Amino acid sequence: MTATLPDHVRTILFNRVPEVTVAFWVIKILSTTSGETAADYLNSTLGLGLAITSWIMTGLLVIALIAQFATKRYTSGIYWAVVVLISVVGTLLTDTMTDSFGVPLWLSTVAFSALLAVTFGIWFARERTLSIHTIFTRRRETFYWVAILFTFALGTAAGDLITEGFGLGYLFGTLLFAGLIGVIAIARFTFRVNVVFCFWAAYVLTRPATSR
């Protein structure tokens, strides 16, 4: 009879995502900006257009996710490849809604906020936790990646709404969202606000804070 490992032991052995450290956030920001640059290169510089770029990036993301789900534990190269590609697809999702279908940015922001909230609601209802330190099952990891996709789409929509929709410009947008990230950091380390809330709030905000 196979013994069931305690959660803390399974987490140490099989957690499929990296620990959240300063290095995590640095790599996350670099991954986001490099992914956006690659998408812009395909879309504008090479002239492939939004639709073809979206299909290419979505295909690459599917391949990367298959590789990620095939691994037995956290593998840095595969994990960050998924982050880069999902950041691009999330951004392109918002851009497609705005440019191709004329969806207002305020509506995209509300819609992706709602989708993210629903994802968290279902995730918690099924798993009884939203902890990012216990992603050791395929189902939890599925919720994790769906949430990340919506954070990038939401961050893009909110950032574009502030900088373009309200006409406040990219400098103001960068300073605003960077300031909000600072508020989240203070809330976490000074007032001990819930770590899960702070993580996901910061994850959303780092996307518009690095847009241009």
N, C-alpha and C. Protein backbone atom coordinates (compact mmCIF):
# COMPACT_ATOMS: atom_id res chain seq x y z
N MET A 1 0.85 -1.20 0.00
CA MET A 1 0.00 0.00 0.00
C MET A 1 0.88 1.25 0.00
N THR A 2 0.64 2.15 -0.90
CA THR A 2 1.47 3.35 -1.03
C THR A 2 1.05 4.40 -0.03
N ALA A 3 2.01 4.90 0.72
CA ALA A 3 1.70 5.93 1.72
C ALA A 3 1.48 7.26 1.04
N THR A 4 0.57 8.03 1.61
CA THR A 4 0.30 9.37 1.08
C THR A 4 1.23 10.37 1.76
N LEU A 5 1.97 11.12 0.96
CA LEU A 5 2.89 12.09 1.51
C LEU A 5 2.16 13.30 2.05
N PRO A 6 2.60 13.86 3.17
CA PRO A 6 2.02 15.12 3.67
C PRO A 6 2.21 16.22 2.66
N ASP A 7 1.33 17.22 2.71
CA ASP A 7 1.38 18.32 1.75
C ASP A 7 2.74 19.00 1.72
N HIS A 8 3.33 19.25 2.91
CA HIS A 8 4.60 20.00 2.92
C HIS A 8 5.73 19.21 2.28
N VAL A 9 5.67 17.86 2.39
CA VAL A 9 6.70 17.03 1.76
C VAL A 9 6.49 17.01 0.25
N ARG A 10 5.23 16.85 -0.18
CA ARG A 10 4.94 16.85 -1.61
C ARG A 10 5.33 18.18 -2.24
N THR A 11 5.12 19.27 -1.52
CA THR A 11 5.48 20.59 -2.03
C THR A 11 6.97 20.68 -2.30
N ILE A 12 7.77 20.22 -1.33
CA ILE A 12 9.23 20.28 -1.47
C ILE A 12 9.69 19.43 -2.65
N LEU A 13 9.07 18.26 -2.81
CA LEU A 13 9.52 17.34 -3.84
C LEU A 13 9.00 17.67 -5.23
N PHE A 14 7.74 18.13 -5.30
CA PHE A 14 7.09 18.16 -6.60
C PHE A 14 6.53 19.51 -7.01
N ASN A 15 6.74 20.56 -6.25
CA ASN A 15 6.19 21.85 -6.64
C ASN A 15 6.67 22.22 -8.03
N ARG A 16 5.74 22.63 -8.89
CA ARG A 16 6.04 22.76 -10.30
C ARG A 16 6.26 24.20 -10.75
N VAL A 17 6.30 25.10 -9.79
CA VAL A 17 6.56 26.51 -10.09
C VAL A 17 7.66 27.01 -9.16
N PRO A 18 8.37 28.07 -9.53
CA PRO A 18 9.50 28.53 -8.71
C PRO A 18 9.06 29.25 -7.44
N GLU A 19 9.98 29.33 -6.50
CA GLU A 19 9.75 30.13 -5.31
C GLU A 19 9.71 31.61 -5.70
N VAL A 20 8.88 32.36 -5.00
CA VAL A 20 8.72 33.78 -5.31
C VAL A 20 9.77 34.58 -4.53
N THR A 21 10.80 34.99 -5.24
CA THR A 21 11.90 35.76 -4.66
C THR A 21 12.09 37.02 -5.49
N VAL A 22 13.05 37.83 -5.11
CA VAL A 22 13.38 39.01 -5.91
C VAL A 22 13.79 38.60 -7.32
N ALA A 23 14.55 37.52 -7.41
CA ALA A 23 14.98 37.03 -8.72
C ALA A 23 13.77 36.63 -9.58
N PHE A 24 12.75 36.06 -8.94
CA PHE A 24 11.53 35.69 -9.67
C PHE A 24 10.93 36.91 -10.35
N TRP A 25 10.79 38.01 -9.60
CA TRP A 25 10.16 39.21 -10.16
C TRP A 25 11.03 39.85 -11.24
N VAL A 26 12.34 39.81 -11.07
CA VAL A 26 13.23 40.36 -12.09
C VAL A 26 13.09 39.58 -13.39
N ILE A 27 13.12 38.26 -13.28
CA ILE A 27 12.99 37.42 -14.48
C ILE A 27 11.61 37.58 -15.10
N LYS A 28 10.59 37.71 -14.26
CA LYS A 28 9.23 37.88 -14.76
C LYS A 28 9.11 39.14 -15.58
N ILE A 29 9.66 40.24 -15.10
CA ILE A 29 9.60 41.52 -15.81
C ILE A 29 10.39 41.43 -17.12
N LEU A 30 11.58 40.83 -17.08
CA LEU A 30 12.37 40.67 -18.29
C LEU A 30 11.67 39.77 -19.30
N SER A 31 11.02 38.72 -18.82
CA SER A 31 10.29 37.82 -19.70
C SER A 31 9.14 38.53 -20.38
N THR A 32 8.43 39.35 -19.61
CA THR A 32 7.29 40.09 -20.14
C THR A 32 7.72 41.06 -21.25
N THR A 33 8.78 41.82 -20.99
CA THR A 33 9.24 42.81 -21.96
C THR A 33 9.82 42.15 -23.21
N SER A 34 10.55 41.04 -23.02
CA SER A 34 11.12 40.36 -24.18
C SER A 34 10.03 39.72 -25.02
N GLY A 35 9.00 39.19 -24.37
CA GLY A 35 7.88 38.61 -25.12
C GLY A 35 7.13 39.64 -25.92
N GLU A 36 6.91 40.81 -25.32
CA GLU A 36 6.22 41.89 -26.02
C GLU A 36 7.04 42.37 -27.21
N THR A 37 8.36 42.45 -27.04
CA THR A 37 9.25 42.88 -28.12
C THR A 37 9.19 41.89 -29.28
N ALA A 38 9.18 40.59 -28.95
CA ALA A 38 9.12 39.57 -30.00
C ALA A 38 7.82 39.65 -30.77
N ALA A 39 6.72 39.87 -30.06
CA ALA A 39 5.42 39.98 -30.73
C ALA A 39 5.37 41.20 -31.64
N ASP A 40 5.91 42.33 -31.15
CA ASP A 40 5.94 43.54 -31.96
C ASP A 40 6.78 43.35 -33.21
N TYR A 41 7.88 42.58 -33.07
CA TYR A 41 8.76 42.33 -34.21
C TYR A 41 8.01 41.55 -35.30
N LEU A 42 7.28 40.50 -34.89
CA LEU A 42 6.53 39.70 -35.86
C LEU A 42 5.37 40.49 -36.45
N ASN A 43 4.67 41.23 -35.58
CA ASN A 43 3.47 41.94 -36.01
C ASN A 43 3.78 43.12 -36.91
N SER A 44 4.71 43.96 -36.46
CA SER A 44 4.98 45.22 -37.16
C SER A 44 6.20 45.17 -38.07
N THR A 45 7.35 44.77 -37.52
CA THR A 45 8.60 44.80 -38.29
C THR A 45 8.55 43.84 -39.47
N LEU A 46 8.12 42.60 -39.21
CA LEU A 46 8.03 41.62 -40.29
C LEU A 46 6.71 41.74 -41.07
N GLY A 47 5.79 42.52 -40.53
CA GLY A 47 4.53 42.76 -41.23
C GLY A 47 3.59 41.58 -41.30
N LEU A 48 3.67 40.67 -40.33
CA LEU A 48 2.79 39.49 -40.36
C LEU A 48 1.35 39.84 -39.98
N GLY A 49 1.20 40.92 -39.25
CA GLY A 49 -0.14 41.31 -38.84
C GLY A 49 -0.56 40.65 -37.54
N LEU A 50 -1.61 41.20 -36.95
CA LEU A 50 -2.05 40.75 -35.63
C LEU A 50 -2.57 39.32 -35.65
N ALA A 51 -3.34 38.97 -36.67
CA ALA A 51 -3.95 37.64 -36.71
C ALA A 51 -2.91 36.53 -36.84
N ILE A 52 -1.99 36.68 -37.81
CA ILE A 52 -0.97 35.64 -38.02
C ILE A 52 -0.05 35.54 -36.81
N THR A 53 0.34 36.70 -36.24
CA THR A 53 1.19 36.70 -35.06
C THR A 53 0.50 35.98 -33.91
N SER A 54 -0.80 36.21 -33.75
CA SER A 54 -1.56 35.56 -32.68
C SER A 54 -1.57 34.04 -32.85
N TRP A 55 -1.77 33.58 -34.09
CA TRP A 55 -1.78 32.14 -34.34
C TRP A 55 -0.42 31.52 -34.08
N ILE A 56 0.64 32.19 -34.51
CA ILE A 56 1.99 31.66 -34.30
C ILE A 56 2.30 31.56 -32.81
N MET A 57 2.04 32.62 -32.08
CA MET A 57 2.36 32.64 -30.66
C MET A 57 1.49 31.66 -29.87
N THR A 58 0.22 31.52 -30.26
CA THR A 58 -0.64 30.57 -29.58
C THR A 58 -0.16 29.14 -29.81
N GLY A 59 0.27 28.85 -31.04
CA GLY A 59 0.81 27.52 -31.33
C GLY A 59 2.05 27.22 -30.52
N LEU A 60 2.95 28.19 -30.43
CA LEU A 60 4.16 28.01 -29.62
C LEU A 60 3.82 27.83 -28.15
N LEU A 61 2.81 28.57 -27.68
CA LEU A 61 2.39 28.44 -26.28
C LEU A 61 1.85 27.04 -26.00
N VAL A 62 1.05 26.52 -26.90
CA VAL A 62 0.51 25.17 -26.72
C VAL A 62 1.65 24.15 -26.62
N ILE A 63 2.65 24.28 -27.49
CA ILE A 63 3.80 23.37 -27.46
C ILE A 63 4.54 23.49 -26.12
N ALA A 64 4.75 24.72 -25.67
CA ALA A 64 5.46 24.95 -24.40
C ALA A 64 4.67 24.39 -23.22
N LEU A 65 3.34 24.55 -23.25
CA LEU A 65 2.51 24.03 -22.16
C LEU A 65 2.53 22.50 -22.13
N ILE A 66 2.52 21.88 -23.30
CA ILE A 66 2.62 20.42 -23.35
C ILE A 66 3.93 19.97 -22.70
N ALA A 67 5.01 20.67 -23.01
CA ALA A 67 6.30 20.33 -22.41
C ALA A 67 6.28 20.56 -20.90
N GLN A 68 5.65 21.66 -20.48
CA GLN A 68 5.58 21.97 -19.06
C GLN A 68 4.78 20.91 -18.30
N PHE A 69 3.65 20.50 -18.83
CA PHE A 69 2.82 19.51 -18.15
C PHE A 69 3.45 18.11 -18.20
N ALA A 70 4.38 17.91 -19.12
CA ALA A 70 5.05 16.61 -19.22
C ALA A 70 6.15 16.45 -18.19
N THR A 71 6.61 17.57 -17.62
CA THR A 71 7.68 17.49 -16.62
C THR A 71 7.12 17.02 -15.29
N LYS A 72 7.98 16.47 -14.44
CA LYS A 72 7.56 15.96 -13.14
C LYS A 72 7.75 16.98 -12.03
N ARG A 73 8.54 18.00 -12.28
CA ARG A 73 8.77 19.03 -11.28
C ARG A 73 9.23 20.31 -11.99
N TYR A 74 9.46 21.35 -11.22
CA TYR A 74 9.84 22.64 -11.80
C TYR A 74 11.11 22.53 -12.64
N THR A 75 11.01 22.99 -13.89
CA THR A 75 12.16 23.07 -14.79
C THR A 75 12.24 24.50 -15.30
N SER A 76 13.27 25.22 -14.94
CA SER A 76 13.32 26.67 -15.16
C SER A 76 13.16 27.06 -16.63
N GLY A 77 13.87 26.39 -17.53
CA GLY A 77 13.82 26.78 -18.94
C GLY A 77 12.43 26.66 -19.52
N ILE A 78 11.77 25.54 -19.23
CA ILE A 78 10.42 25.32 -19.77
C ILE A 78 9.43 26.28 -19.12
N TYR A 79 9.53 26.43 -17.80
CA TYR A 79 8.60 27.30 -17.08
C TYR A 79 8.65 28.73 -17.62
N TRP A 80 9.85 29.29 -17.76
CA TRP A 80 9.95 30.68 -18.20
C TRP A 80 9.63 30.85 -19.68
N ALA A 81 9.83 29.80 -20.47
CA ALA A 81 9.38 29.85 -21.87
C ALA A 81 7.86 30.00 -21.92
N VAL A 82 7.16 29.27 -21.04
CA VAL A 82 5.70 29.39 -20.98
C VAL A 82 5.31 30.79 -20.56
N VAL A 83 6.00 31.36 -19.58
CA VAL A 83 5.68 32.71 -19.11
C VAL A 83 5.84 33.73 -20.24
N VAL A 84 6.95 33.63 -20.98
CA VAL A 84 7.17 34.55 -22.10
C VAL A 84 6.03 34.44 -23.11
N LEU A 85 5.70 33.22 -23.49
CA LEU A 85 4.69 33.02 -24.53
C LEU A 85 3.28 33.36 -24.05
N ILE A 86 2.99 33.06 -22.79
CA ILE A 86 1.65 33.37 -22.29
C ILE A 86 1.48 34.87 -22.10
N SER A 87 2.59 35.57 -21.83
CA SER A 87 2.52 37.03 -21.74
C SER A 87 2.18 37.62 -23.11
N VAL A 88 2.76 37.04 -24.15
CA VAL A 88 2.50 37.51 -25.51
C VAL A 88 1.05 37.22 -25.90
N VAL A 89 0.60 36.00 -25.65
CA VAL A 89 -0.77 35.61 -26.03
C VAL A 89 -1.79 36.43 -25.25
N GLY A 90 -1.54 36.66 -23.96
CA GLY A 90 -2.45 37.48 -23.18
C GLY A 90 -2.54 38.90 -23.71
N THR A 91 -1.39 39.45 -24.09
CA THR A 91 -1.35 40.79 -24.67
C THR A 91 -2.08 40.83 -26.01
N LEU A 92 -1.81 39.83 -26.86
CA LEU A 92 -2.46 39.78 -28.17
C LEU A 92 -3.96 39.58 -28.06
N LEU A 93 -4.39 38.88 -27.00
CA LEU A 93 -5.82 38.68 -26.79
C LEU A 93 -6.53 40.01 -26.59
N THR A 94 -5.95 40.86 -25.75
CA THR A 94 -6.53 42.19 -25.54
C THR A 94 -6.43 43.04 -26.80
N ASP A 95 -5.27 43.00 -27.46
CA ASP A 95 -5.09 43.79 -28.68
C ASP A 95 -6.08 43.39 -29.76
N THR A 96 -6.33 42.08 -29.89
CA THR A 96 -7.28 41.60 -30.89
C THR A 96 -8.69 42.09 -30.59
N MET A 97 -9.07 42.01 -29.31
CA MET A 97 -10.40 42.49 -28.93
C MET A 97 -10.57 43.98 -29.23
N THR A 98 -9.49 44.74 -29.01
CA THR A 98 -9.56 46.19 -29.21
C THR A 98 -9.48 46.56 -30.68
N ASP A 99 -8.45 46.04 -31.36
CA ASP A 99 -8.17 46.46 -32.74
C ASP A 99 -9.05 45.78 -33.78
N SER A 100 -9.35 44.50 -33.56
CA SER A 100 -10.11 43.75 -34.58
C SER A 100 -11.61 43.77 -34.34
N PHE A 101 -12.01 43.83 -33.07
CA PHE A 101 -13.44 43.74 -32.76
C PHE A 101 -14.00 45.01 -32.13
N GLY A 102 -13.15 46.00 -31.91
CA GLY A 102 -13.60 47.28 -31.41
C GLY A 102 -14.14 47.27 -29.99
N VAL A 103 -13.71 46.31 -29.17
CA VAL A 103 -14.16 46.26 -27.78
C VAL A 103 -13.49 47.38 -27.00
N PRO A 104 -14.24 48.24 -26.32
CA PRO A 104 -13.63 49.33 -25.56
C PRO A 104 -12.70 48.80 -24.48
N LEU A 105 -11.63 49.54 -24.20
CA LEU A 105 -10.65 49.11 -23.21
C LEU A 105 -11.26 48.98 -21.81
N TRP A 106 -12.20 49.86 -21.48
CA TRP A 106 -12.81 49.75 -20.15
C TRP A 106 -13.59 48.45 -20.02
N LEU A 107 -14.22 48.02 -21.13
CA LEU A 107 -14.98 46.78 -21.10
C LEU A 107 -14.05 45.57 -21.01
N SER A 108 -12.93 45.63 -21.75
CA SER A 108 -11.93 44.55 -21.65
C SER A 108 -11.39 44.43 -20.23
N THR A 109 -11.13 45.59 -19.61
CA THR A 109 -10.62 45.59 -18.25
C THR A 109 -11.60 44.94 -17.28
N VAL A 110 -12.87 45.31 -17.41
CA VAL A 110 -13.91 44.73 -16.56
C VAL A 110 -14.07 43.23 -16.84
N ALA A 111 -14.08 42.87 -18.12
CA ALA A 111 -14.29 41.47 -18.50
C ALA A 111 -13.17 40.57 -17.98
N PHE A 112 -11.92 41.00 -18.17
CA PHE A 112 -10.81 40.17 -17.71
C PHE A 112 -10.70 40.15 -16.19
N SER A 113 -11.11 41.24 -15.53
CA SER A 113 -11.18 41.23 -14.06
C SER A 113 -12.17 40.18 -13.59
N ALA A 114 -13.33 40.13 -14.26
CA ALA A 114 -14.36 39.15 -13.91
C ALA A 114 -13.88 37.73 -14.17
N LEU A 115 -13.24 37.51 -15.32
CA LEU A 115 -12.74 36.17 -15.65
C LEU A 115 -11.68 35.71 -14.66
N LEU A 116 -10.82 36.64 -14.25
CA LEU A 116 -9.79 36.30 -13.26
C LEU A 116 -10.44 35.95 -11.92
N ALA A 117 -11.44 36.73 -11.53
CA ALA A 117 -12.14 36.46 -10.27
C ALA A 117 -12.85 35.10 -10.32
N VAL A 118 -13.47 34.78 -11.45
CA VAL A 118 -14.14 33.49 -11.60
C VAL A 118 -13.13 32.35 -11.53
N THR A 119 -11.98 32.54 -12.17
CA THR A 119 -10.93 31.52 -12.12
C THR A 119 -10.50 31.25 -10.69
N PHE A 120 -10.27 32.31 -9.93
CA PHE A 120 -9.88 32.15 -8.53
C PHE A 120 -11.00 31.48 -7.72
N GLY A 121 -12.25 31.86 -8.03
CA GLY A 121 -13.37 31.28 -7.31
C GLY A 121 -13.48 29.78 -7.53
N ILE A 122 -13.36 29.35 -8.79
CA ILE A 122 -13.43 27.91 -9.10
C ILE A 122 -12.22 27.19 -8.52
N TRP A 123 -11.05 27.81 -8.66
CA TRP A 123 -9.82 27.23 -8.12
C TRP A 123 -9.97 26.96 -6.62
N PHE A 124 -10.44 27.95 -5.88
CA PHE A 124 -10.58 27.79 -4.43
C PHE A 124 -11.66 26.78 -4.10
N ALA A 125 -12.75 26.79 -4.85
CA ALA A 125 -13.84 25.86 -4.58
C ALA A 125 -13.40 24.41 -4.77
N ARG A 126 -12.53 24.17 -5.75
CA ARG A 126 -12.07 22.81 -6.03
C ARG A 126 -10.90 22.39 -5.16
N GLU A 127 -10.02 23.33 -4.83
CA GLU A 127 -8.78 22.97 -4.14
C GLU A 127 -8.71 23.43 -2.69
N ARG A 128 -9.61 24.34 -2.31
CA ARG A 128 -9.63 24.92 -0.96
C ARG A 128 -8.37 25.70 -0.64
N THR A 129 -7.64 26.10 -1.63
CA THR A 129 -6.44 26.92 -1.46
C THR A 129 -6.09 27.58 -2.78
N LEU A 130 -5.50 28.77 -2.68
CA LEU A 130 -4.95 29.45 -3.86
C LEU A 130 -3.44 29.58 -3.73
N SER A 131 -2.86 28.81 -2.83
CA SER A 131 -1.43 28.92 -2.55
C SER A 131 -0.60 28.64 -3.79
N ILE A 132 0.36 29.51 -4.03
CA ILE A 132 1.27 29.31 -5.16
C ILE A 132 2.46 28.43 -4.76
N HIS A 133 2.46 27.99 -3.50
CA HIS A 133 3.54 27.15 -3.01
C HIS A 133 3.17 25.67 -3.02
N THR A 134 1.97 25.36 -3.47
CA THR A 134 1.53 23.95 -3.49
C THR A 134 0.98 23.58 -4.86
N ILE A 135 1.67 23.98 -5.91
CA ILE A 135 1.25 23.63 -7.27
C ILE A 135 1.91 22.30 -7.63
N PHE A 136 1.38 21.20 -7.05
CA PHE A 136 1.99 19.90 -7.29
C PHE A 136 1.04 18.92 -7.96
N THR A 137 -0.10 19.41 -8.47
CA THR A 137 -0.99 18.56 -9.25
C THR A 137 -1.27 19.23 -10.59
N ARG A 138 -1.66 18.43 -11.57
CA ARG A 138 -1.95 18.97 -12.90
C ARG A 138 -3.15 19.94 -12.84
N ARG A 139 -4.14 19.63 -12.01
CA ARG A 139 -5.32 20.49 -11.94
C ARG A 139 -4.95 21.86 -11.35
N ARG A 140 -4.17 21.86 -10.29
CA ARG A 140 -3.76 23.14 -9.71
C ARG A 140 -2.92 23.94 -10.70
N GLU A 141 -2.08 23.24 -11.43
CA GLU A 141 -1.25 23.95 -12.41
C GLU A 141 -2.10 24.51 -13.54
N THR A 142 -3.15 23.81 -13.92
CA THR A 142 -4.05 24.33 -14.94
C THR A 142 -4.69 25.64 -14.49
N PHE A 143 -5.18 25.66 -13.25
CA PHE A 143 -5.75 26.90 -12.71
C PHE A 143 -4.69 28.00 -12.69
N TYR A 144 -3.48 27.64 -12.31
CA TYR A 144 -2.37 28.59 -12.21
C TYR A 144 -2.12 29.27 -13.56
N TRP A 145 -2.04 28.48 -14.64
CA TRP A 145 -1.72 29.06 -15.95
C TRP A 145 -2.90 29.83 -16.53
N VAL A 146 -4.12 29.37 -16.27
CA VAL A 146 -5.29 30.13 -16.73
C VAL A 146 -5.31 31.50 -16.04
N ALA A 147 -5.03 31.50 -14.73
CA ALA A 147 -5.00 32.78 -13.99
C ALA A 147 -3.92 33.69 -14.55
N ILE A 148 -2.76 33.15 -14.86
CA ILE A 148 -1.67 33.96 -15.40
C ILE A 148 -2.04 34.54 -16.76
N LEU A 149 -2.69 33.74 -17.60
CA LEU A 149 -3.14 34.26 -18.90
C LEU A 149 -4.04 35.48 -18.70
N PHE A 150 -4.99 35.39 -17.78
CA PHE A 150 -5.91 36.50 -17.55
C PHE A 150 -5.22 37.69 -16.89
N THR A 151 -4.17 37.44 -16.09
CA THR A 151 -3.44 38.58 -15.51
C THR A 151 -2.76 39.40 -16.59
N PHE A 152 -2.20 38.73 -17.60
CA PHE A 152 -1.55 39.46 -18.69
C PHE A 152 -2.56 40.20 -19.55
N ALA A 153 -3.68 39.55 -19.83
CA ALA A 153 -4.73 40.21 -20.61
C ALA A 153 -5.29 41.41 -19.85
N LEU A 154 -5.53 41.23 -18.54
CA LEU A 154 -6.04 42.31 -17.72
C LEU A 154 -5.03 43.44 -17.58
N GLY A 155 -3.76 43.09 -17.35
CA GLY A 155 -2.73 44.11 -17.23
C GLY A 155 -2.58 44.93 -18.49
N THR A 156 -2.68 44.26 -19.65
CA THR A 156 -2.60 44.97 -20.93
C THR A 156 -3.78 45.92 -21.09
N ALA A 157 -4.99 45.42 -20.80
CA ALA A 157 -6.19 46.24 -20.96
C ALA A 157 -6.16 47.44 -20.02
N ALA A 158 -5.81 47.20 -18.75
CA ALA A 158 -5.78 48.30 -17.77
C ALA A 158 -4.70 49.31 -18.12
N GLY A 159 -3.53 48.81 -18.55
CA GLY A 159 -2.45 49.72 -18.92
C GLY A 159 -2.80 50.57 -20.13
N ASP A 160 -3.37 49.94 -21.14
CA ASP A 160 -3.77 50.68 -22.34
C ASP A 160 -4.90 51.67 -22.04
N LEU A 161 -5.78 51.28 -21.12
CA LEU A 161 -6.87 52.19 -20.74
C LEU A 161 -6.33 53.47 -20.12
N ILE A 162 -5.34 53.32 -19.24
CA ILE A 162 -4.75 54.49 -18.58
C ILE A 162 -3.93 55.32 -19.55
N THR A 163 -3.05 54.66 -20.30
CA THR A 163 -2.10 55.39 -21.14
C THR A 163 -2.70 55.91 -22.44
N GLU A 164 -3.57 55.10 -23.06
CA GLU A 164 -4.14 55.48 -24.34
C GLU A 164 -5.59 55.92 -24.23
N GLY A 165 -6.40 55.11 -23.54
CA GLY A 165 -7.81 55.44 -23.42
C GLY A 165 -8.06 56.77 -22.72
N PHE A 166 -7.34 56.99 -21.63
CA PHE A 166 -7.47 58.25 -20.90
C PHE A 166 -6.47 59.30 -21.36
N GLY A 167 -5.56 58.89 -22.28
CA GLY A 167 -4.60 59.82 -22.84
C GLY A 167 -3.58 60.35 -21.86
N LEU A 168 -3.23 59.56 -20.84
CA LEU A 168 -2.30 60.04 -19.81
C LEU A 168 -0.84 59.75 -20.15
N GLY A 169 -0.60 58.93 -21.16
CA GLY A 169 0.77 58.70 -21.62
C GLY A 169 1.46 57.55 -20.90
N TYR A 170 2.51 57.04 -21.54
CA TYR A 170 3.22 55.87 -21.01
C TYR A 170 4.04 56.19 -19.77
N LEU A 171 4.63 57.39 -19.71
CA LEU A 171 5.41 57.74 -18.52
C LEU A 171 4.53 57.76 -17.29
N PHE A 172 3.38 58.41 -17.40
CA PHE A 172 2.46 58.46 -16.26
C PHE A 172 2.01 57.04 -15.90
N GLY A 173 1.69 56.23 -16.92
CA GLY A 173 1.24 54.87 -16.66
C GLY A 173 2.29 54.05 -15.93
N THR A 174 3.54 54.17 -16.39
CA THR A 174 4.63 53.43 -15.75
C THR A 174 4.79 53.85 -14.30
N LEU A 175 4.78 55.15 -14.05
CA LEU A 175 4.93 55.65 -12.68
C LEU A 175 3.76 55.23 -11.80
N LEU A 176 2.55 55.29 -12.37
CA LEU A 176 1.37 54.91 -11.60
C LEU A 176 1.42 53.45 -11.18
N PHE A 177 1.66 52.57 -12.14
CA PHE A 177 1.63 51.14 -11.83
C PHE A 177 2.84 50.72 -11.00
N ALA A 178 3.99 51.37 -11.22
CA ALA A 178 5.14 51.09 -10.37
C ALA A 178 4.85 51.52 -8.93
N GLY A 179 4.16 52.65 -8.78
CA GLY A 179 3.78 53.11 -7.45
C GLY A 179 2.82 52.14 -6.77
N LEU A 180 1.88 51.60 -7.54
CA LEU A 180 0.93 50.63 -6.98
C LEU A 180 1.65 49.35 -6.55
N ILE A 181 2.66 48.95 -7.32
CA ILE A 181 3.47 47.78 -6.93
C ILE A 181 4.17 48.07 -5.61
N GLY A 182 4.67 49.31 -5.46
CA GLY A 182 5.29 49.69 -4.19
C GLY A 182 4.30 49.62 -3.03
N VAL A 183 3.07 50.03 -3.27
CA VAL A 183 2.03 49.95 -2.24
C VAL A 183 1.78 48.49 -1.85
N ILE A 184 1.73 47.61 -2.85
CA ILE A 184 1.54 46.18 -2.58
C ILE A 184 2.70 45.64 -1.73
N ALA A 185 3.92 46.05 -2.07
CA ALA A 185 5.09 45.58 -1.31
C ALA A 185 5.02 46.04 0.14
N ILE A 186 4.65 47.29 0.34
CA ILE A 186 4.52 47.81 1.71
C ILE A 186 3.41 47.07 2.46
N ALA A 187 2.30 46.83 1.76
CA ALA A 187 1.18 46.13 2.39
C ALA A 187 1.59 44.73 2.83
N ARG A 188 2.40 44.08 2.01
CA ARG A 188 2.82 42.71 2.33
C ARG A 188 3.83 42.67 3.46
N PHE A 189 4.89 43.47 3.35
CA PHE A 189 6.01 43.32 4.28
C PHE A 189 5.87 44.16 5.55
N THR A 190 5.04 45.20 5.50
CA THR A 190 4.84 46.02 6.69
C THR A 190 3.57 45.65 7.43
N PHE A 191 2.48 45.45 6.68
CA PHE A 191 1.19 45.18 7.31
C PHE A 191 0.76 43.73 7.20
N ARG A 192 1.61 42.88 6.62
CA ARG A 192 1.37 41.44 6.54
C ARG A 192 0.04 41.10 5.86
N VAL A 193 -0.27 41.83 4.80
CA VAL A 193 -1.46 41.53 4.00
C VAL A 193 -1.26 40.16 3.35
N ASN A 194 -2.35 39.45 3.13
CA ASN A 194 -2.32 38.09 2.61
C ASN A 194 -1.37 37.93 1.43
N VAL A 195 -0.49 36.94 1.50
CA VAL A 195 0.55 36.75 0.51
C VAL A 195 0.00 36.39 -0.87
N VAL A 196 -1.09 35.60 -0.89
CA VAL A 196 -1.68 35.21 -2.17
C VAL A 196 -2.26 36.42 -2.89
N PHE A 197 -2.99 37.26 -2.16
CA PHE A 197 -3.54 38.48 -2.75
C PHE A 197 -2.43 39.37 -3.28
N CYS A 198 -1.38 39.57 -2.50
CA CYS A 198 -0.27 40.44 -2.91
C CYS A 198 0.44 39.90 -4.14
N PHE A 199 0.62 38.59 -4.20
CA PHE A 199 1.29 37.99 -5.35
C PHE A 199 0.52 38.27 -6.64
N TRP A 200 -0.78 37.97 -6.63
CA TRP A 200 -1.55 38.12 -7.86
C TRP A 200 -1.78 39.58 -8.23
N ALA A 201 -1.91 40.44 -7.23
CA ALA A 201 -2.03 41.87 -7.52
C ALA A 201 -0.76 42.38 -8.19
N ALA A 202 0.40 41.99 -7.65
CA ALA A 202 1.67 42.40 -8.24
C ALA A 202 1.85 41.80 -9.63
N TYR A 203 1.37 40.57 -9.82
CA TYR A 203 1.51 39.93 -11.12
C TYR A 203 0.75 40.69 -12.20
N VAL A 204 -0.44 41.16 -11.84
CA VAL A 204 -1.21 41.97 -12.79
C VAL A 204 -0.50 43.29 -13.07
N LEU A 205 -0.02 43.95 -12.03
CA LEU A 205 0.53 45.30 -12.16
C LEU A 205 1.87 45.35 -12.87
N THR A 206 2.66 44.26 -12.81
CA THR A 206 3.95 44.30 -13.49
C THR A 206 3.80 44.35 -15.00
N ARG A 207 2.66 43.89 -15.52
CA ARG A 207 2.46 43.96 -16.97
C ARG A 207 2.32 45.40 -17.46
N PRO A 208 1.39 46.20 -16.96
CA PRO A 208 1.29 47.59 -17.45
C PRO A 208 2.46 48.46 -17.01
N ALA A 209 3.13 48.09 -15.92
CA ALA A 209 4.26 48.90 -15.46
C ALA A 209 5.44 48.81 -16.42
N THR A 210 5.48 47.75 -17.25
CA THR A 210 6.59 47.58 -18.20
C THR A 210 6.18 47.84 -19.63
N SER A 211 4.95 48.29 -19.85
CA SER A 211 4.50 48.55 -21.23
C SER A 211 5.09 49.86 -21.73
N ARG A 212 5.00 50.01 -23.06
CA ARG A 212 5.57 51.23 -23.63
C ARG A 212 4.69 51.71 -24.78
